[in-house]
Amino acid sequence: MSGTHSYDRESFLNEFFPDTEDRAEVEAGARHMVEVSHAYRLAEMRRRLGLTQSEVAERMNVRQERVSAIERAQVGATEFRTISAYIEALGGRVEIVADFGGERLVVG
């Protein structure tokens, strides 16, 4: 046995949440965990670049509180254009990748 296992969405839910009647709740929780992880990684990048929230806010032309909300993954703060502006304020570039199973297409 190799020691690694690959899951698709359904097999993961079946194995770890077999008796869960409300899968929507489990999936919403998982999405939130991913959003929090992404927000944390963005905040870490900002700190590694030596920028304050206020400096990023100034570059985005928003208030510092908005940057704080992004970094805490607050609902509404993580819209694509907001995250895109945040990444650009850090000097990054956003790419949009469409994943079609075995094929990936960069669209932006």
PDB file of N, CA and C in Angstrom:
ATOM      1  N   MET A   1       0.837  -1.182   0.000  1.00  0.00           N
ATOM      2  CA  MET A   1       0.000   0.000   0.000  1.00  0.00           C
ATOM      3  C   MET A   1       0.882   1.245   0.000  1.00  0.00           C
ATOM      4  N   SER A   2       0.531   2.268  -0.742  1.00  0.00           N
ATOM      5  CA  SER A   2       1.384   3.433  -0.936  1.00  0.00           C
ATOM      6  C   SER A   2       1.380   4.413   0.232  1.00  0.00           C
ATOM      7  N   GLY A   3       0.352   4.406   1.052  1.00  0.00           N
ATOM      8  CA  GLY A   3       0.297   5.347   2.165  1.00  0.00           C
ATOM      9  C   GLY A   3      -0.413   6.642   1.825  1.00  0.00           C
ATOM     10  N   THR A   4      -0.739   6.854   0.568  1.00  0.00           N
ATOM     11  CA  THR A   4      -1.491   8.040   0.182  1.00  0.00           C
ATOM     12  C   THR A   4      -2.817   7.607  -0.425  1.00  0.00           C
ATOM     13  N   HIS A   5      -3.783   8.461  -0.324  1.00  0.00           N
ATOM     14  CA  HIS A   5      -5.103   8.167  -0.865  1.00  0.00           C
ATOM     15  C   HIS A   5      -5.650   9.425  -1.508  1.00  0.00           C
ATOM     16  N   SER A   6      -6.250   9.267  -2.633  1.00  0.00           N
ATOM     17  CA  SER A   6      -6.840  10.396  -3.340  1.00  0.00           C
ATOM     18  C   SER A   6      -8.353  10.334  -3.207  1.00  0.00           C
ATOM     19  N   TYR A   7      -8.950  11.465  -2.895  1.00  0.00           N
ATOM     20  CA  TYR A   7     -10.400  11.539  -2.738  1.00  0.00           C
ATOM     21  C   TYR A   7     -10.987  12.466  -3.780  1.00  0.00           C
ATOM     22  N   ASP A   8     -12.155  12.110  -4.264  1.00  0.00           N
ATOM     23  CA  ASP A   8     -12.972  13.099  -4.934  1.00  0.00           C
ATOM     24  C   ASP A   8     -13.960  13.601  -3.888  1.00  0.00           C
ATOM     25  N   ARG A   9     -14.732  14.584  -4.216  1.00  0.00           N
ATOM     26  CA  ARG A   9     -15.634  15.219  -3.257  1.00  0.00           C
ATOM     27  C   ARG A   9     -16.577  14.207  -2.615  1.00  0.00           C
ATOM     28  N   GLU A  10     -17.225  13.396  -3.431  1.00  0.00           N
ATOM     29  CA  GLU A  10     -18.204  12.437  -2.926  1.00  0.00           C
ATOM     30  C   GLU A  10     -17.575  11.384  -2.030  1.00  0.00           C
ATOM     31  N   SER A  11     -16.429  10.820  -2.441  1.00  0.00           N
ATOM     32  CA  SER A  11     -15.813   9.775  -1.620  1.00  0.00           C
ATOM     33  C   SER A  11     -15.323  10.340  -0.285  1.00  0.00           C
ATOM     34  N   PHE A  12     -14.857  11.575  -0.280  1.00  0.00           N
ATOM     35  CA  PHE A  12     -14.432  12.205   0.970  1.00  0.00           C
ATOM     36  C   PHE A  12     -15.618  12.353   1.919  1.00  0.00           C
ATOM     37  N   LEU A  13     -16.730  12.903   1.406  1.00  0.00           N
ATOM     38  CA  LEU A  13     -17.906  13.090   2.253  1.00  0.00           C
ATOM     39  C   LEU A  13     -18.444  11.753   2.748  1.00  0.00           C
ATOM     40  N   ASN A  14     -18.456  10.747   1.894  1.00  0.00           N
ATOM     41  CA  ASN A  14     -18.955   9.434   2.298  1.00  0.00           C
ATOM     42  C   ASN A  14     -18.091   8.803   3.379  1.00  0.00           C
ATOM     43  N   GLU A  15     -16.779   8.964   3.277  1.00  0.00           N
ATOM     44  CA  GLU A  15     -15.897   8.340   4.259  1.00  0.00           C
ATOM     45  C   GLU A  15     -15.896   9.072   5.596  1.00  0.00           C
ATOM     46  N   PHE A  16     -15.813  10.389   5.560  1.00  0.00           N
ATOM     47  CA  PHE A  16     -15.655  11.149   6.802  1.00  0.00           C
ATOM     48  C   PHE A  16     -16.961  11.659   7.398  1.00  0.00           C
ATOM     49  N   PHE A  17     -18.012  11.728   6.606  1.00  0.00           N
ATOM     50  CA  PHE A  17     -19.314  12.197   7.092  1.00  0.00           C
ATOM     51  C   PHE A  17     -20.412  11.258   6.597  1.00  0.00           C
ATOM     52  N   PRO A  18     -20.321   9.968   6.929  1.00  0.00           N
ATOM     53  CA  PRO A  18     -21.248   8.995   6.363  1.00  0.00           C
ATOM     54  C   PRO A  18     -22.695   9.165   6.819  1.00  0.00           C
ATOM     55  N   ASP A  19     -22.904   9.656   8.016  1.00  0.00           N
ATOM     56  CA  ASP A  19     -24.262   9.764   8.548  1.00  0.00           C
ATOM     57  C   ASP A  19     -24.792  11.191   8.520  1.00  0.00           C
ATOM     58  N   THR A  20     -24.091  12.072   7.846  1.00  0.00           N
ATOM     59  CA  THR A  20     -24.500  13.468   7.817  1.00  0.00           C
ATOM     60  C   THR A  20     -25.668  13.642   6.859  1.00  0.00           C
ATOM     61  N   GLU A  21     -26.792  14.061   7.403  1.00  0.00           N
ATOM     62  CA  GLU A  21     -27.969  14.274   6.572  1.00  0.00           C
ATOM     63  C   GLU A  21     -27.905  15.611   5.851  1.00  0.00           C
ATOM     64  N   ASP A  22     -27.278  16.583   6.487  1.00  0.00           N
ATOM     65  CA  ASP A  22     -27.232  17.912   5.894  1.00  0.00           C
ATOM     66  C   ASP A  22     -25.855  18.172   5.305  1.00  0.00           C
ATOM     67  N   ARG A  23     -25.604  17.621   4.148  1.00  0.00           N
ATOM     68  CA  ARG A  23     -24.308  17.796   3.490  1.00  0.00           C
ATOM     69  C   ARG A  23     -24.044  19.256   3.150  1.00  0.00           C
ATOM     70  N   ALA A  24     -25.082  20.025   2.899  1.00  0.00           N
ATOM     71  CA  ALA A  24     -24.897  21.439   2.568  1.00  0.00           C
ATOM     72  C   ALA A  24     -24.179  22.158   3.698  1.00  0.00           C
ATOM     73  N   GLU A  25     -24.511  21.803   4.932  1.00  0.00           N
ATOM     74  CA  GLU A  25     -23.856  22.422   6.090  1.00  0.00           C
ATOM     75  C   GLU A  25     -22.378  22.040   6.146  1.00  0.00           C
ATOM     76  N   VAL A  26     -22.074  20.787   5.886  1.00  0.00           N
ATOM     77  CA  VAL A  26     -20.686  20.324   5.875  1.00  0.00           C
ATOM     78  C   VAL A  26     -19.916  21.039   4.770  1.00  0.00           C
ATOM     79  N   GLU A  27     -20.515  21.127   3.580  1.00  0.00           N
ATOM     80  CA  GLU A  27     -19.850  21.779   2.457  1.00  0.00           C
ATOM     81  C   GLU A  27     -19.641  23.270   2.710  1.00  0.00           C
ATOM     82  N   ALA A  28     -20.610  23.931   3.338  1.00  0.00           N
ATOM     83  CA  ALA A  28     -20.453  25.349   3.671  1.00  0.00           C
ATOM     84  C   ALA A  28     -19.311  25.534   4.658  1.00  0.00           C
ATOM     85  N   GLY A  29     -19.214  24.641   5.627  1.00  0.00           N
ATOM     86  CA  GLY A  29     -18.112  24.711   6.586  1.00  0.00           C
ATOM     87  C   GLY A  29     -16.768  24.509   5.906  1.00  0.00           C
ATOM     88  N   ALA A  30     -16.721  23.578   4.978  1.00  0.00           N
ATOM     89  CA  ALA A  30     -15.472  23.328   4.247  1.00  0.00           C
ATOM     90  C   ALA A  30     -15.091  24.535   3.404  1.00  0.00           C
ATOM     91  N   ARG A  31     -16.058  25.137   2.724  1.00  0.00           N
ATOM     92  CA  ARG A  31     -15.772  26.338   1.926  1.00  0.00           C
ATOM     93  C   ARG A  31     -15.244  27.459   2.807  1.00  0.00           C
ATOM     94  N   HIS A  32     -15.838  27.622   3.989  1.00  0.00           N
ATOM     95  CA  HIS A  32     -15.380  28.668   4.902  1.00  0.00           C
ATOM     96  C   HIS A  32     -13.942  28.407   5.351  1.00  0.00           C
ATOM     97  N   MET A  33     -13.618  27.155   5.623  1.00  0.00           N
ATOM     98  CA  MET A  33     -12.248  26.816   6.027  1.00  0.00           C
ATOM     99  C   MET A  33     -11.258  27.162   4.914  1.00  0.00           C
ATOM    100  N   VAL A  34     -11.622  26.908   3.683  1.00  0.00           N
ATOM    101  CA  VAL A  34     -10.755  27.239   2.553  1.00  0.00           C
ATOM    102  C   VAL A  34     -10.591  28.749   2.453  1.00  0.00           C
ATOM    103  N   GLU A  35     -11.691  29.499   2.601  1.00  0.00           N
ATOM    104  CA  GLU A  35     -11.620  30.961   2.547  1.00  0.00           C
ATOM    105  C   GLU A  35     -10.721  31.506   3.652  1.00  0.00           C
ATOM    106  N   VAL A  36     -10.837  30.970   4.854  1.00  0.00           N
ATOM    107  CA  VAL A  36      -9.999  31.419   5.978  1.00  0.00           C
ATOM    108  C   VAL A  36      -8.530  31.115   5.675  1.00  0.00           C
ATOM    109  N   SER A  37      -8.273  29.942   5.116  1.00  0.00           N
ATOM    110  CA  SER A  37      -6.902  29.575   4.765  1.00  0.00           C
ATOM    111  C   SER A  37      -6.328  30.529   3.725  1.00  0.00           C
ATOM    112  N   HIS A  38      -7.109  30.848   2.706  1.00  0.00           N
ATOM    113  CA  HIS A  38      -6.641  31.788   1.676  1.00  0.00           C
ATOM    114  C   HIS A  38      -6.397  33.171   2.266  1.00  0.00           C
ATOM    115  N   ALA A  39      -7.302  33.619   3.118  1.00  0.00           N
ATOM    116  CA  ALA A  39      -7.144  34.934   3.743  1.00  0.00           C
ATOM    117  C   ALA A  39      -5.879  34.978   4.590  1.00  0.00           C
ATOM    118  N   TYR A  40      -5.625  33.912   5.332  1.00  0.00           N
ATOM    119  CA  TYR A  40      -4.421  33.833   6.164  1.00  0.00           C
ATOM    120  C   TYR A  40      -3.169  33.909   5.292  1.00  0.00           C
ATOM    121  N   ARG A  41      -3.177  33.179   4.186  1.00  0.00           N
ATOM    122  CA  ARG A  41      -2.013  33.180   3.294  1.00  0.00           C
ATOM    123  C   ARG A  41      -1.789  34.560   2.674  1.00  0.00           C
ATOM    124  N   LEU A  42      -2.874  35.277   2.345  1.00  0.00           N
ATOM    125  CA  LEU A  42      -2.714  36.635   1.814  1.00  0.00           C
ATOM    126  C   LEU A  42      -2.105  37.555   2.868  1.00  0.00           C
ATOM    127  N   ALA A  43      -2.585  37.452   4.102  1.00  0.00           N
ATOM    128  CA  ALA A  43      -2.043  38.281   5.184  1.00  0.00           C
ATOM    129  C   ALA A  43      -0.569  37.966   5.419  1.00  0.00           C
ATOM    130  N   GLU A  44      -0.219  36.681   5.371  1.00  0.00           N
ATOM    131  CA  GLU A  44       1.184  36.292   5.524  1.00  0.00           C
ATOM    132  C   GLU A  44       2.047  36.884   4.411  1.00  0.00           C
ATOM    133  N   MET A  45       1.549  36.886   3.184  1.00  0.00           N
ATOM    134  CA  MET A  45       2.290  37.470   2.061  1.00  0.00           C
ATOM    135  C   MET A  45       2.492  38.968   2.290  1.00  0.00           C
ATOM    136  N   ARG A  46       1.445  39.645   2.752  1.00  0.00           N
ATOM    137  CA  ARG A  46       1.555  41.086   3.027  1.00  0.00           C
ATOM    138  C   ARG A  46       2.651  41.332   4.049  1.00  0.00           C
ATOM    139  N   ARG A  47       2.659  40.547   5.109  1.00  0.00           N
ATOM    140  CA  ARG A  47       3.678  40.721   6.152  1.00  0.00           C
ATOM    141  C   ARG A  47       5.076  40.418   5.604  1.00  0.00           C
ATOM    142  N   ARG A  48       5.209  39.365   4.806  1.00  0.00           N
ATOM    143  CA  ARG A  48       6.521  39.035   4.226  1.00  0.00           C
ATOM    144  C   ARG A  48       7.024  40.151   3.323  1.00  0.00           C
ATOM    145  N   LEU A  49       6.095  40.850   2.673  1.00  0.00           N
ATOM    146  CA  LEU A  49       6.484  41.968   1.818  1.00  0.00           C
ATOM    147  C   LEU A  49       6.759  43.238   2.616  1.00  0.00           C
ATOM    148  N   GLY A  50       6.524  43.186   3.930  1.00  0.00           N
ATOM    149  CA  GLY A  50       6.806  44.329   4.796  1.00  0.00           C
ATOM    150  C   GLY A  50       5.785  45.444   4.684  1.00  0.00           C
ATOM    151  N   LEU A  51       4.566  45.097   4.299  1.00  0.00           N
ATOM    152  CA  LEU A  51       3.514  46.105   4.142  1.00  0.00           C
ATOM    153  C   LEU A  51       2.554  46.053   5.325  1.00  0.00           C
ATOM    154  N   THR A  52       2.031  47.227   5.691  1.00  0.00           N
ATOM    155  CA  THR A  52       0.994  47.294   6.714  1.00  0.00           C
ATOM    156  C   THR A  52      -0.372  47.224   6.033  1.00  0.00           C
ATOM    157  N   GLN A  53      -1.388  46.945   6.818  1.00  0.00           N
ATOM    158  CA  GLN A  53      -2.738  46.970   6.271  1.00  0.00           C
ATOM    159  C   GLN A  53      -3.077  48.352   5.722  1.00  0.00           C
ATOM    160  N   SER A  54      -2.626  49.384   6.391  1.00  0.00           N
ATOM    161  CA  SER A  54      -2.895  50.752   5.935  1.00  0.00           C
ATOM    162  C   SER A  54      -2.245  51.030   4.591  1.00  0.00           C
ATOM    163  N   GLU A  55      -1.042  50.536   4.392  1.00  0.00           N
ATOM    164  CA  GLU A  55      -0.360  50.743   3.108  1.00  0.00           C
ATOM    165  C   GLU A  55      -1.090  50.022   1.976  1.00  0.00           C
ATOM    166  N   VAL A  56      -1.535  48.810   2.249  1.00  0.00           N
ATOM    167  CA  VAL A  56      -2.280  48.067   1.232  1.00  0.00           C
ATOM    168  C   VAL A  56      -3.614  48.767   0.948  1.00  0.00           C
ATOM    169  N   ALA A  57      -4.267  49.237   1.994  1.00  0.00           N
ATOM    170  CA  ALA A  57      -5.536  49.951   1.825  1.00  0.00           C
ATOM    171  C   ALA A  57      -5.361  51.186   0.956  1.00  0.00           C
ATOM    172  N   GLU A  58      -4.280  51.904   1.184  1.00  0.00           N
ATOM    173  CA  GLU A  58      -4.010  53.104   0.384  1.00  0.00           C
ATOM    174  C   GLU A  58      -3.830  52.735  -1.083  1.00  0.00           C
ATOM    175  N   ARG A  59      -3.107  51.663  -1.351  1.00  0.00           N
ATOM    176  CA  ARG A  59      -2.904  51.213  -2.729  1.00  0.00           C
ATOM    177  C   ARG A  59      -4.208  50.767  -3.383  1.00  0.00           C
ATOM    178  N   MET A  60      -5.121  50.218  -2.570  1.00  0.00           N
ATOM    179  CA  MET A  60      -6.407  49.759  -3.080  1.00  0.00           C
ATOM    180  C   MET A  60      -7.445  50.862  -3.130  1.00  0.00           C
ATOM    181  N   ASN A  61      -7.128  51.996  -2.510  1.00  0.00           N
ATOM    182  CA  ASN A  61      -8.059  53.111  -2.394  1.00  0.00           C
ATOM    183  C   ASN A  61      -9.303  52.718  -1.591  1.00  0.00           C
ATOM    184  N   VAL A  62      -9.044  52.019  -0.477  1.00  0.00           N
ATOM    185  CA  VAL A  62     -10.099  51.635   0.459  1.00  0.00           C
ATOM    186  C   VAL A  62      -9.613  51.947   1.869  1.00  0.00           C
ATOM    187  N   ARG A  63     -10.475  51.754   2.847  1.00  0.00           N
ATOM    188  CA  ARG A  63     -10.087  51.961   4.235  1.00  0.00           C
ATOM    189  C   ARG A  63      -9.354  50.741   4.777  1.00  0.00           C
ATOM    190  N   GLN A  64      -8.553  50.945   5.796  1.00  0.00           N
ATOM    191  CA  GLN A  64      -7.788  49.861   6.429  1.00  0.00           C
ATOM    192  C   GLN A  64      -8.714  48.770   6.932  1.00  0.00           C
ATOM    193  N   GLU A  65      -9.895  49.127   7.382  1.00  0.00           N
ATOM    194  CA  GLU A  65     -10.852  48.145   7.886  1.00  0.00           C
ATOM    195  C   GLU A  65     -11.243  47.136   6.802  1.00  0.00           C
ATOM    196  N   ARG A  66     -11.268  47.590   5.554  1.00  0.00           N
ATOM    197  CA  ARG A  66     -11.597  46.690   4.441  1.00  0.00           C
ATOM    198  C   ARG A  66     -10.498  45.635   4.265  1.00  0.00           C
ATOM    199  N   VAL A  67      -9.248  46.055   4.379  1.00  0.00           N
ATOM    200  CA  VAL A  67      -8.127  45.120   4.283  1.00  0.00           C
ATOM    201  C   VAL A  67      -8.190  44.130   5.438  1.00  0.00           C
ATOM    202  N   SER A  68      -8.488  44.605   6.622  1.00  0.00           N
ATOM    203  CA  SER A  68      -8.625  43.729   7.778  1.00  0.00           C
ATOM    204  C   SER A  68      -9.724  42.700   7.542  1.00  0.00           C
ATOM    205  N   ALA A  69     -10.851  43.127   6.972  1.00  0.00           N
ATOM    206  CA  ALA A  69     -11.957  42.209   6.693  1.00  0.00           C
ATOM    207  C   ALA A  69     -11.531  41.142   5.686  1.00  0.00           C
ATOM    208  N   ILE A  70     -10.766  41.527   4.680  1.00  0.00           N
ATOM    209  CA  ILE A  70     -10.268  40.564   3.696  1.00  0.00           C
ATOM    210  C   ILE A  70      -9.402  39.521   4.394  1.00  0.00           C
ATOM    211  N   GLU A  71      -8.530  39.977   5.262  1.00  0.00           N
ATOM    212  CA  GLU A  71      -7.592  39.083   5.936  1.00  0.00           C
ATOM    213  C   GLU A  71      -8.259  38.209   6.993  1.00  0.00           C
ATOM    214  N   ARG A  72      -9.489  38.523   7.349  1.00  0.00           N
ATOM    215  CA  ARG A  72     -10.256  37.692   8.283  1.00  0.00           C
ATOM    216  C   ARG A  72     -11.331  36.884   7.566  1.00  0.00           C
ATOM    217  N   ALA A  73     -11.346  36.950   6.242  1.00  0.00           N
ATOM    218  CA  ALA A  73     -12.310  36.208   5.409  1.00  0.00           C
ATOM    219  C   ALA A  73     -13.747  36.509   5.805  1.00  0.00           C
ATOM    220  N   GLN A  74     -14.017  37.778   6.114  1.00  0.00           N
ATOM    221  CA  GLN A  74     -15.381  38.151   6.464  1.00  0.00           C
ATOM    222  C   GLN A  74     -16.270  38.051   5.244  1.00  0.00           C
ATOM    223  N   VAL A  75     -17.490  37.629   5.463  1.00  0.00           N
ATOM    224  CA  VAL A  75     -18.449  37.487   4.386  1.00  0.00           C
ATOM    225  C   VAL A  75     -18.586  38.817   3.650  1.00  0.00           C
ATOM    226  N   GLY A  76     -18.550  38.770   2.335  1.00  0.00           N
ATOM    227  CA  GLY A  76     -18.677  39.969   1.514  1.00  0.00           C
ATOM    228  C   GLY A  76     -17.348  40.627   1.209  1.00  0.00           C
ATOM    229  N   ALA A  77     -16.331  40.331   2.002  1.00  0.00           N
ATOM    230  CA  ALA A  77     -15.033  40.961   1.786  1.00  0.00           C
ATOM    231  C   ALA A  77     -14.189  40.177   0.795  1.00  0.00           C
ATOM    232  N   THR A  78     -14.626  38.989   0.452  1.00  0.00           N
ATOM    233  CA  THR A  78     -13.800  38.133  -0.387  1.00  0.00           C
ATOM    234  C   THR A  78     -14.341  37.989  -1.802  1.00  0.00           C
ATOM    235  N   GLU A  79     -15.061  38.983  -2.284  1.00  0.00           N
ATOM    236  CA  GLU A  79     -15.491  38.976  -3.673  1.00  0.00           C
ATOM    237  C   GLU A  79     -14.258  38.969  -4.564  1.00  0.00           C
ATOM    238  N   PHE A  80     -14.392  38.399  -5.740  1.00  0.00           N
ATOM    239  CA  PHE A  80     -13.248  38.236  -6.622  1.00  0.00           C
ATOM    240  C   PHE A  80     -12.546  39.565  -6.905  1.00  0.00           C
ATOM    241  N   ARG A  81     -13.286  40.591  -7.238  1.00  0.00           N
ATOM    242  CA  ARG A  81     -12.620  41.855  -7.601  1.00  0.00           C
ATOM    243  C   ARG A  81     -11.894  42.468  -6.406  1.00  0.00           C
ATOM    244  N   THR A  82     -12.422  42.252  -5.197  1.00  0.00           N
ATOM    245  CA  THR A  82     -11.750  42.753  -3.998  1.00  0.00           C
ATOM    246  C   THR A  82     -10.447  42.005  -3.770  1.00  0.00           C
ATOM    247  N   ILE A  83     -10.498  40.688  -3.870  1.00  0.00           N
ATOM    248  CA  ILE A  83      -9.285  39.890  -3.699  1.00  0.00           C
ATOM    249  C   ILE A  83      -8.276  40.215  -4.794  1.00  0.00           C
ATOM    250  N   SER A  84      -8.762  40.409  -6.006  1.00  0.00           N
ATOM    251  CA  SER A  84      -7.884  40.762  -7.120  1.00  0.00           C
ATOM    252  C   SER A  84      -7.182  42.091  -6.849  1.00  0.00           C
ATOM    253  N   ALA A  85      -7.922  43.088  -6.365  1.00  0.00           N
ATOM    254  CA  ALA A  85      -7.327  44.385  -6.040  1.00  0.00           C
ATOM    255  C   ALA A  85      -6.302  44.242  -4.918  1.00  0.00           C
ATOM    256  N   TYR A  86      -6.592  43.402  -3.926  1.00  0.00           N
ATOM    257  CA  TYR A  86      -5.667  43.167  -2.817  1.00  0.00           C
ATOM    258  C   TYR A  86      -4.370  42.575  -3.351  1.00  0.00           C
ATOM    259  N   ILE A  87      -4.474  41.543  -4.180  1.00  0.00           N
ATOM    260  CA  ILE A  87      -3.283  40.887  -4.736  1.00  0.00           C
ATOM    261  C   ILE A  87      -2.473  41.869  -5.576  1.00  0.00           C
ATOM    262  N   GLU A  88      -3.143  42.665  -6.390  1.00  0.00           N
ATOM    263  CA  GLU A  88      -2.445  43.662  -7.202  1.00  0.00           C
ATOM    264  C   GLU A  88      -1.773  44.713  -6.332  1.00  0.00           C
ATOM    265  N   ALA A  89      -2.401  45.080  -5.200  1.00  0.00           N
ATOM    266  CA  ALA A  89      -1.798  46.046  -4.276  1.00  0.00           C
ATOM    267  C   ALA A  89      -0.523  45.490  -3.656  1.00  0.00           C
ATOM    268  N   LEU A  90      -0.425  44.162  -3.563  1.00  0.00           N
ATOM    269  CA  LEU A  90       0.793  43.530  -3.056  1.00  0.00           C
ATOM    270  C   LEU A  90       1.849  43.384  -4.146  1.00  0.00           C
ATOM    271  N   GLY A  91       1.478  43.742  -5.382  1.00  0.00           N
ATOM    272  CA  GLY A  91       2.408  43.620  -6.496  1.00  0.00           C
ATOM    273  C   GLY A  91       2.268  42.301  -7.238  1.00  0.00           C
ATOM    274  N   GLY A  92       1.216  41.549  -6.916  1.00  0.00           N
ATOM    275  CA  GLY A  92       0.976  40.262  -7.570  1.00  0.00           C
ATOM    276  C   GLY A  92       0.089  40.406  -8.789  1.00  0.00           C
ATOM    277  N   ARG A  93      -0.118  39.272  -9.437  1.00  0.00           N
ATOM    278  CA  ARG A  93      -0.961  39.215 -10.630  1.00  0.00           C
ATOM    279  C   ARG A  93      -1.937  38.065 -10.450  1.00  0.00           C
ATOM    280  N   VAL A  94      -3.190  38.281 -10.801  1.00  0.00           N
ATOM    281  CA  VAL A  94      -4.218  37.261 -10.658  1.00  0.00           C
ATOM    282  C   VAL A  94      -4.376  36.510 -11.969  1.00  0.00           C
ATOM    283  N   GLU A  95      -4.452  35.195 -11.871  1.00  0.00           N
ATOM    284  CA  GLU A  95      -4.754  34.353 -13.018  1.00  0.00           C
ATOM    285  C   GLU A  95      -6.035  33.601 -12.729  1.00  0.00           C
ATOM    286  N   ILE A  96      -6.865  33.480 -13.728  1.00  0.00           N
ATOM    287  CA  ILE A  96      -8.070  32.671 -13.601  1.00  0.00           C
ATOM    288  C   ILE A  96      -7.817  31.390 -14.386  1.00  0.00           C
ATOM    289  N   VAL A  97      -7.998  30.262 -13.703  1.00  0.00           N
ATOM    290  CA  VAL A  97      -7.770  28.971 -14.338  1.00  0.00           C
ATOM    291  C   VAL A  97      -9.070  28.177 -14.287  1.00  0.00           C
ATOM    292  N   ALA A  98      -9.521  27.730 -15.449  1.00  0.00           N
ATOM    293  CA  ALA A  98     -10.684  26.852 -15.517  1.00  0.00           C
ATOM    294  C   ALA A  98     -10.168  25.416 -15.521  1.00  0.00           C
ATOM    295  N   ASP A  99     -10.694  24.590 -14.631  1.00  0.00           N
ATOM    296  CA  ASP A  99     -10.264  23.200 -14.511  1.00  0.00           C
ATOM    297  C   ASP A  99     -11.376  22.300 -15.041  1.00  0.00           C
ATOM    298  N   PHE A 100     -11.066  21.546 -16.085  1.00  0.00           N
ATOM    299  CA  PHE A 100     -12.035  20.650 -16.707  1.00  0.00           C
ATOM    300  C   PHE A 100     -11.617  19.198 -16.490  1.00  0.00           C
ATOM    301  N   GLY A 101     -11.345  18.849 -15.264  1.00  0.00           N
ATOM    302  CA  GLY A 101     -10.893  17.487 -14.976  1.00  0.00           C
ATOM    303  C   GLY A 101      -9.427  17.327 -15.307  1.00  0.00           C
ATOM    304  N   GLY A 102      -9.116  16.804 -16.465  1.00  0.00           N
ATOM    305  CA  GLY A 102      -7.728  16.600 -16.863  1.00  0.00           C
ATOM    306  C   GLY A 102      -7.149  17.755 -17.633  1.00  0.00           C
ATOM    307  N   GLU A 103      -7.927  18.763 -17.902  1.00  0.00           N
ATOM    308  CA  GLU A 103      -7.448  19.885 -18.715  1.00  0.00           C
ATOM    309  C   GLU A 103      -7.671  21.201 -17.985  1.00  0.00           C
ATOM    310  N   ARG A 104      -6.626  22.036 -17.967  1.00  0.00           N
ATOM    311  CA  ARG A 104      -6.714  23.341 -17.323  1.00  0.00           C
ATOM    312  C   ARG A 104      -6.537  24.431 -18.374  1.00  0.00           C
ATOM    313  N   LEU A 105      -7.331  25.473 -18.270  1.00  0.00           N
ATOM    314  CA  LEU A 105      -7.306  26.565 -19.231  1.00  0.00           C
ATOM    315  C   LEU A 105      -7.159  27.877 -18.480  1.00  0.00           C
ATOM    316  N   VAL A 106      -6.076  28.616 -18.748  1.00  0.00           N
ATOM    317  CA  VAL A 106      -5.885  29.935 -18.134  1.00  0.00           C
ATOM    318  C   VAL A 106      -6.712  30.925 -18.945  1.00  0.00           C
ATOM    319  N   VAL A 107      -7.660  31.595 -18.269  1.00  0.00           N
ATOM    320  CA  VAL A 107      -8.565  32.511 -18.965  1.00  0.00           C
ATOM    321  C   VAL A 107      -8.371  33.961 -18.568  1.00  0.00           C
ATOM    322  N   GLY A 108      -7.477  34.253 -17.690  1.00  0.00           N
ATOM    323  CA  GLY A 108      -7.284  35.644 -17.312  1.00  0.00           C
ATOM    324  C   GLY A 108      -6.043  35.846 -16.506  1.00  0.00           C
TER     325      GLY A 108
END
